[in-house]
Amino acid sequence: MFLFSDEELQAPVKISIEKVRPHLLADGGDITILGIKNATVYVELKGACVGCSHSHITLKNAILRQLQTDIHPDIKVQQVQAGEDWKELAKRN
């Protein structure tokens, strides 16, 4: 069981993502937090990250690792493709 509500995660997730953002921006990419549901952070990668063959590595080795280090080891991250409804994706997961 996760210790924090989705609402309680909003601020810490934002702070954690801001630690990763400079690395994404340096490579021409960016990230947007779309929402949080059941301790899963739904994000959209932007700029050079879109279509990059290494985006899944960035998601796991940079973004997820930062969230798990800063917040909780059980937090998850899910990439949402442009135009996809993250709330519908959350319902399926």
C-alpha atoms as a PDB file:
ATOM      1  CA  MET A   1       0.000   0.000   0.000  1.00  0.00           C
ATOM      2  CA  PHE A   2       1.273   3.420  -0.958  1.00  0.00           C
ATOM      3  CA  LEU A   3       1.608   5.899   1.914  1.00  0.00           C
ATOM      4  CA  PHE A   4       0.614   9.070   0.070  1.00  0.00           C
ATOM      5  CA  SER A   5      -2.517  10.180  -1.742  1.00  0.00           C
ATOM      6  CA  ASP A   6      -2.295  11.338  -5.341  1.00  0.00           C
ATOM      7  CA  GLU A   7      -2.946  14.892  -4.142  1.00  0.00           C
ATOM      8  CA  GLU A   8      -0.114  14.696  -1.593  1.00  0.00           C
ATOM      9  CA  LEU A   9       2.254  13.599  -4.356  1.00  0.00           C
ATOM     10  CA  GLN A  10       1.649  16.658  -6.560  1.00  0.00           C
ATOM     11  CA  ALA A  11       4.250  18.987  -5.001  1.00  0.00           C
ATOM     12  CA  PRO A  12       7.007  16.399  -4.414  1.00  0.00           C
ATOM     13  CA  VAL A  13       6.624  15.039  -7.949  1.00  0.00           C
ATOM     14  CA  LYS A  14       6.910  18.551  -9.385  1.00  0.00           C
ATOM     15  CA  ILE A  15      10.085  19.204  -7.373  1.00  0.00           C
ATOM     16  CA  SER A  16      11.590  15.868  -8.395  1.00  0.00           C
ATOM     17  CA  ILE A  17      10.820  16.376 -12.103  1.00  0.00           C
ATOM     18  CA  GLU A  18      12.426  19.825 -11.961  1.00  0.00           C
ATOM     19  CA  LYS A  19      15.706  18.116 -11.009  1.00  0.00           C
ATOM     20  CA  VAL A  20      15.626  16.097 -14.247  1.00  0.00           C
ATOM     21  CA  ARG A  21      14.293  18.820 -16.544  1.00  0.00           C
ATOM     22  CA  PRO A  22      17.662  20.612 -17.121  1.00  0.00           C
ATOM     23  CA  HIS A  23      19.138  17.399 -18.565  1.00  0.00           C
ATOM     24  CA  LEU A  24      16.190  17.026 -20.933  1.00  0.00           C
ATOM     25  CA  LEU A  25      16.340  20.677 -21.974  1.00  0.00           C
ATOM     26  CA  ALA A  26      20.079  20.383 -22.660  1.00  0.00           C
ATOM     27  CA  ASP A  27      19.302  17.721 -25.253  1.00  0.00           C
ATOM     28  CA  GLY A  28      16.414  19.661 -26.799  1.00  0.00           C
ATOM     29  CA  GLY A  29      13.668  17.798 -24.938  1.00  0.00           C
ATOM     30  CA  ASP A  30      11.252  18.538 -22.128  1.00  0.00           C
ATOM     31  CA  ILE A  31       8.654  16.859 -19.921  1.00  0.00           C
ATOM     32  CA  THR A  32       5.123  17.698 -18.832  1.00  0.00           C
ATOM     33  CA  ILE A  33       3.402  16.134 -15.836  1.00  0.00           C
ATOM     34  CA  LEU A  34      -0.117  15.271 -16.969  1.00  0.00           C
ATOM     35  CA  GLY A  35      -1.401  13.823 -13.720  1.00  0.00           C
ATOM     36  CA  ILE A  36      -1.023  11.275 -10.953  1.00  0.00           C
ATOM     37  CA  LYS A  37      -3.300   8.303 -10.346  1.00  0.00           C
ATOM     38  CA  ASN A  38      -2.674   5.468  -7.875  1.00  0.00           C
ATOM     39  CA  ALA A  39       0.958   6.513  -7.327  1.00  0.00           C
ATOM     40  CA  THR A  40       1.693   6.452 -11.062  1.00  0.00           C
ATOM     41  CA  VAL A  41       2.945   9.697 -12.563  1.00  0.00           C
ATOM     42  CA  TYR A  42       1.726  10.211 -16.135  1.00  0.00           C
ATOM     43  CA  VAL A  43       4.113  12.298 -18.217  1.00  0.00           C
ATOM     44  CA  GLU A  44       4.475  13.436 -21.797  1.00  0.00           C
ATOM     45  CA  LEU A  45       7.952  13.821 -23.226  1.00  0.00           C
ATOM     46  CA  LYS A  46       8.343  16.722 -25.638  1.00  0.00           C
ATOM     47  CA  GLY A  47      10.762  18.226 -28.119  1.00  0.00           C
ATOM     48  CA  ALA A  48      13.696  16.044 -29.104  1.00  0.00           C
ATOM     49  CA  CYS A  49      12.466  13.313 -26.730  1.00  0.00           C
ATOM     50  CA  VAL A  50       9.486  12.617 -29.005  1.00  0.00           C
ATOM     51  CA  GLY A  51      10.365   9.696 -31.186  1.00  0.00           C
ATOM     52  CA  CYS A  52      13.838   9.335 -29.684  1.00  0.00           C
ATOM     53  CA  SER A  53      14.891   5.704 -29.530  1.00  0.00           C
ATOM     54  CA  HIS A  54      16.378   6.345 -26.083  1.00  0.00           C
ATOM     55  CA  SER A  55      13.289   7.936 -24.503  1.00  0.00           C
ATOM     56  CA  HIS A  56      12.415   4.711 -22.655  1.00  0.00           C
ATOM     57  CA  ILE A  57      15.906   4.746 -21.115  1.00  0.00           C
ATOM     58  CA  THR A  58      15.486   8.379 -20.088  1.00  0.00           C
ATOM     59  CA  LEU A  59      12.126   7.507 -18.574  1.00  0.00           C
ATOM     60  CA  LYS A  60      13.521   4.618 -16.540  1.00  0.00           C
ATOM     61  CA  ASN A  61      17.076   5.675 -15.718  1.00  0.00           C
ATOM     62  CA  ALA A  62      16.523   9.380 -15.137  1.00  0.00           C
ATOM     63  CA  ILE A  63      12.895  10.234 -14.438  1.00  0.00           C
ATOM     64  CA  LEU A  64      11.755   7.107 -12.588  1.00  0.00           C
ATOM     65  CA  ARG A  65      14.987   6.823 -10.641  1.00  0.00           C
ATOM     66  CA  GLN A  66      14.713  10.455  -9.500  1.00  0.00           C
ATOM     67  CA  LEU A  67      11.091   9.994  -8.411  1.00  0.00           C
ATOM     68  CA  GLN A  68      11.909   6.792  -6.518  1.00  0.00           C
ATOM     69  CA  THR A  69      14.927   8.369  -4.843  1.00  0.00           C
ATOM     70  CA  ASP A  70      13.117  11.555  -3.839  1.00  0.00           C
ATOM     71  CA  ILE A  71       9.672  10.202  -2.978  1.00  0.00           C
ATOM     72  CA  HIS A  72       9.196   6.444  -2.618  1.00  0.00           C
ATOM     73  CA  PRO A  73      10.626   3.294  -4.221  1.00  0.00           C
ATOM     74  CA  ASP A  74       7.141   2.099  -5.234  1.00  0.00           C
ATOM     75  CA  ILE A  75       6.182   5.165  -7.275  1.00  0.00           C
ATOM     76  CA  LYS A  76       5.794   4.529 -11.003  1.00  0.00           C
ATOM     77  CA  VAL A  77       5.972   6.626 -14.141  1.00  0.00           C
ATOM     78  CA  GLN A  78       4.045   6.109 -17.374  1.00  0.00           C
ATOM     79  CA  GLN A  79       4.802   7.866 -20.637  1.00  0.00           C
ATOM     80  CA  VAL A  80       1.754   9.164 -22.484  1.00  0.00           C
ATOM     81  CA  GLN A  81       1.993   9.750 -26.215  1.00  0.00           C
ATOM     82  CA  ALA A  82       0.894  13.090 -27.683  1.00  0.00           C
ATOM     83  CA  GLY A  83      -2.863  13.131 -28.164  1.00  0.00           C
ATOM     84  CA  GLU A  84      -3.431  10.193 -25.817  1.00  0.00           C
ATOM     85  CA  ASP A  85      -5.772  10.750 -22.851  1.00  0.00           C
ATOM     86  CA  TRP A  86      -3.805   9.961 -19.698  1.00  0.00           C
ATOM     87  CA  LYS A  87      -7.013   9.482 -17.682  1.00  0.00           C
ATOM     88  CA  GLU A  88      -8.172   6.746 -20.056  1.00  0.00           C
ATOM     89  CA  LEU A  89      -4.751   5.142 -19.848  1.00  0.00           C
ATOM     90  CA  ALA A  90      -4.921   5.279 -16.035  1.00  0.00           C
ATOM     91  CA  LYS A  91      -8.295   3.497 -16.099  1.00  0.00           C
ATOM     92  CA  ARG A  92      -6.769   0.621 -18.072  1.00  0.00           C
ATOM     93  CA  ASN A  93      -3.780   0.262 -15.754  1.00  0.00           C
END
